[in-house]
């Protein structure tokens, strides 16, 4: 048996740094004022989320793809520099549950689209 977890809304309450990073990177790289709330982003990778939002804002596929590596760098840098300002809280019961799994020698890991 193995236990795999996503992070947001599974182990922790949602972090706003990641959502804010998207808004920042859209503006910096593509000159677009947009956020992830425009789409259903659950379970999608960051590149897919970016593409869907930018297509909705009228950008073309080639224009999106050409700047995607820079977009992802901006996204990572924003999170890296702003995550420490977050008050990230574990969801109630998570710490105890993870301790229980550890006591049972259950291997654990993270699976995330990001």
Protein backbone atom coordinates (compact mmCIF):
# COMPACT_ATOMS: atom_id res chain seq x y z
CA UNK A 1 0.00 0.00 0.00
CA UNK A 2 1.12 3.56 -0.73
CA UNK A 3 -0.52 6.92 0.05
CA UNK A 4 -0.25 9.72 -2.51
CA UNK A 5 -1.52 13.22 -1.86
CA UNK A 6 -2.15 16.44 -3.70
CA UNK A 7 -1.29 19.53 -1.68
CA UNK A 8 -3.93 22.28 -1.96
CA UNK A 9 -7.17 21.42 -0.17
CA UNK A 10 -5.85 17.93 0.61
CA UNK A 11 -3.07 18.59 3.10
CA UNK A 12 -3.22 22.37 3.48
CA UNK A 13 -5.78 25.08 3.09
CA UNK A 14 -5.24 26.80 -0.26
CA UNK A 15 -2.24 29.08 -0.65
CA UNK A 16 -2.90 32.37 -2.41
CA UNK A 17 0.75 32.73 -3.50
CA UNK A 18 0.25 30.33 -6.40
CA UNK A 19 -2.87 32.11 -7.67
CA UNK A 20 -1.20 35.50 -7.27
CA UNK A 21 1.82 34.17 -9.16
CA UNK A 22 -0.37 33.40 -12.16
CA UNK A 23 -1.82 36.91 -12.19
CA UNK A 24 1.71 38.36 -11.92
CA UNK A 25 3.16 36.14 -14.69
CA UNK A 26 0.23 36.77 -17.07
CA UNK A 27 0.80 40.51 -16.68
CA UNK A 28 4.62 40.41 -16.86
CA UNK A 29 5.02 37.99 -19.78
CA UNK A 30 1.88 38.42 -21.87
CA UNK A 31 0.62 41.85 -20.80
CA UNK A 32 -2.72 40.31 -19.83
CA UNK A 33 -4.70 41.06 -16.68
CA UNK A 34 -6.15 37.65 -15.87
CA UNK A 35 -6.32 35.03 -13.17
CA UNK A 36 -6.92 31.32 -12.90
CA UNK A 37 -10.48 31.88 -11.70
CA UNK A 38 -11.50 32.23 -15.37
CA UNK A 39 -11.34 28.45 -15.84
CA UNK A 40 -11.83 25.20 -13.96
CA UNK A 41 -8.17 24.60 -13.12
CA UNK A 42 -8.44 21.70 -10.68
CA UNK A 43 -6.22 18.77 -11.62
CA UNK A 44 -4.48 20.64 -14.45
CA UNK A 45 -0.80 21.42 -14.84
CA UNK A 46 0.45 25.01 -14.78
CA UNK A 47 1.18 25.08 -18.54
CA UNK A 48 -2.34 23.83 -19.35
CA UNK A 49 -3.88 26.38 -16.98
CA UNK A 50 -1.87 29.18 -18.59
CA UNK A 51 -2.82 28.12 -22.10
CA UNK A 52 -6.54 27.88 -21.32
CA UNK A 53 -6.62 31.30 -19.64
CA UNK A 54 -4.63 32.96 -22.41
CA UNK A 55 -6.76 31.43 -25.16
CA UNK A 56 -9.81 32.89 -23.40
CA UNK A 57 -8.07 36.27 -23.42
CA UNK A 58 -7.59 36.04 -27.19
CA UNK A 59 -3.95 35.01 -27.51
CA UNK A 60 -2.90 32.54 -30.20
CA UNK A 61 -1.25 29.16 -29.62
CA UNK A 62 2.14 30.14 -31.08
CA UNK A 63 2.24 33.35 -29.06
CA UNK A 64 1.48 31.40 -25.90
CA UNK A 65 3.97 28.59 -26.55
CA UNK A 66 6.81 30.94 -27.47
CA UNK A 67 6.73 32.66 -24.07
CA UNK A 68 5.70 29.68 -21.94
CA UNK A 69 9.20 28.90 -20.58
CA UNK A 70 9.55 32.54 -19.45
CA UNK A 71 6.03 32.44 -17.99
CA UNK A 72 6.86 29.35 -15.92
CA UNK A 73 10.08 30.97 -14.66
CA UNK A 74 8.13 34.08 -13.59
CA UNK A 75 5.57 31.85 -11.88
CA UNK A 76 8.24 29.93 -9.93
CA UNK A 77 10.17 33.06 -8.97
CA UNK A 78 7.04 34.80 -7.71
CA UNK A 79 6.10 31.85 -5.51
CA UNK A 80 9.68 31.45 -4.28
CA UNK A 81 9.84 35.10 -3.20
CA UNK A 82 6.33 35.33 -1.74
CA UNK A 83 5.52 31.97 -0.18
CA UNK A 84 7.11 32.91 3.16
CA UNK A 85 4.52 35.67 3.55
CA UNK A 86 1.76 33.06 3.56
CA UNK A 87 0.14 31.72 6.67
CA UNK A 88 -0.18 28.16 5.41
CA UNK A 89 -2.29 25.97 7.65
CA UNK A 90 -2.70 22.22 7.66
CA UNK A 91 -6.23 20.94 7.27
CA UNK A 92 -7.60 19.65 10.57
CA UNK A 93 -6.52 16.08 11.26
CA UNK A 94 -3.80 15.93 8.59
CA UNK A 95 -0.87 15.84 10.99
CA UNK A 96 -2.39 12.98 12.97
CA UNK A 97 -3.32 11.08 9.82
CA UNK A 98 0.20 11.38 8.39
CA UNK A 99 1.68 10.28 11.72
CA UNK A 100 -0.61 7.24 11.69
CA UNK A 101 0.46 6.32 8.16
CA UNK A 102 4.11 6.75 9.15
CA UNK A 103 3.62 4.48 12.19
CA UNK A 104 2.22 1.84 9.84
CA UNK A 105 5.28 2.22 7.54
CA UNK A 106 3.07 3.31 4.66
CA UNK A 107 5.15 5.01 1.94
CA UNK A 108 3.84 8.51 1.19
CA UNK A 109 4.35 10.96 -1.62
CA UNK A 110 3.01 14.04 -3.36
CA UNK A 111 1.30 14.00 -6.72
CA UNK A 112 0.57 17.43 -8.13
CA UNK A 113 -0.06 19.02 -11.48
CA UNK A 114 2.36 21.76 -10.58
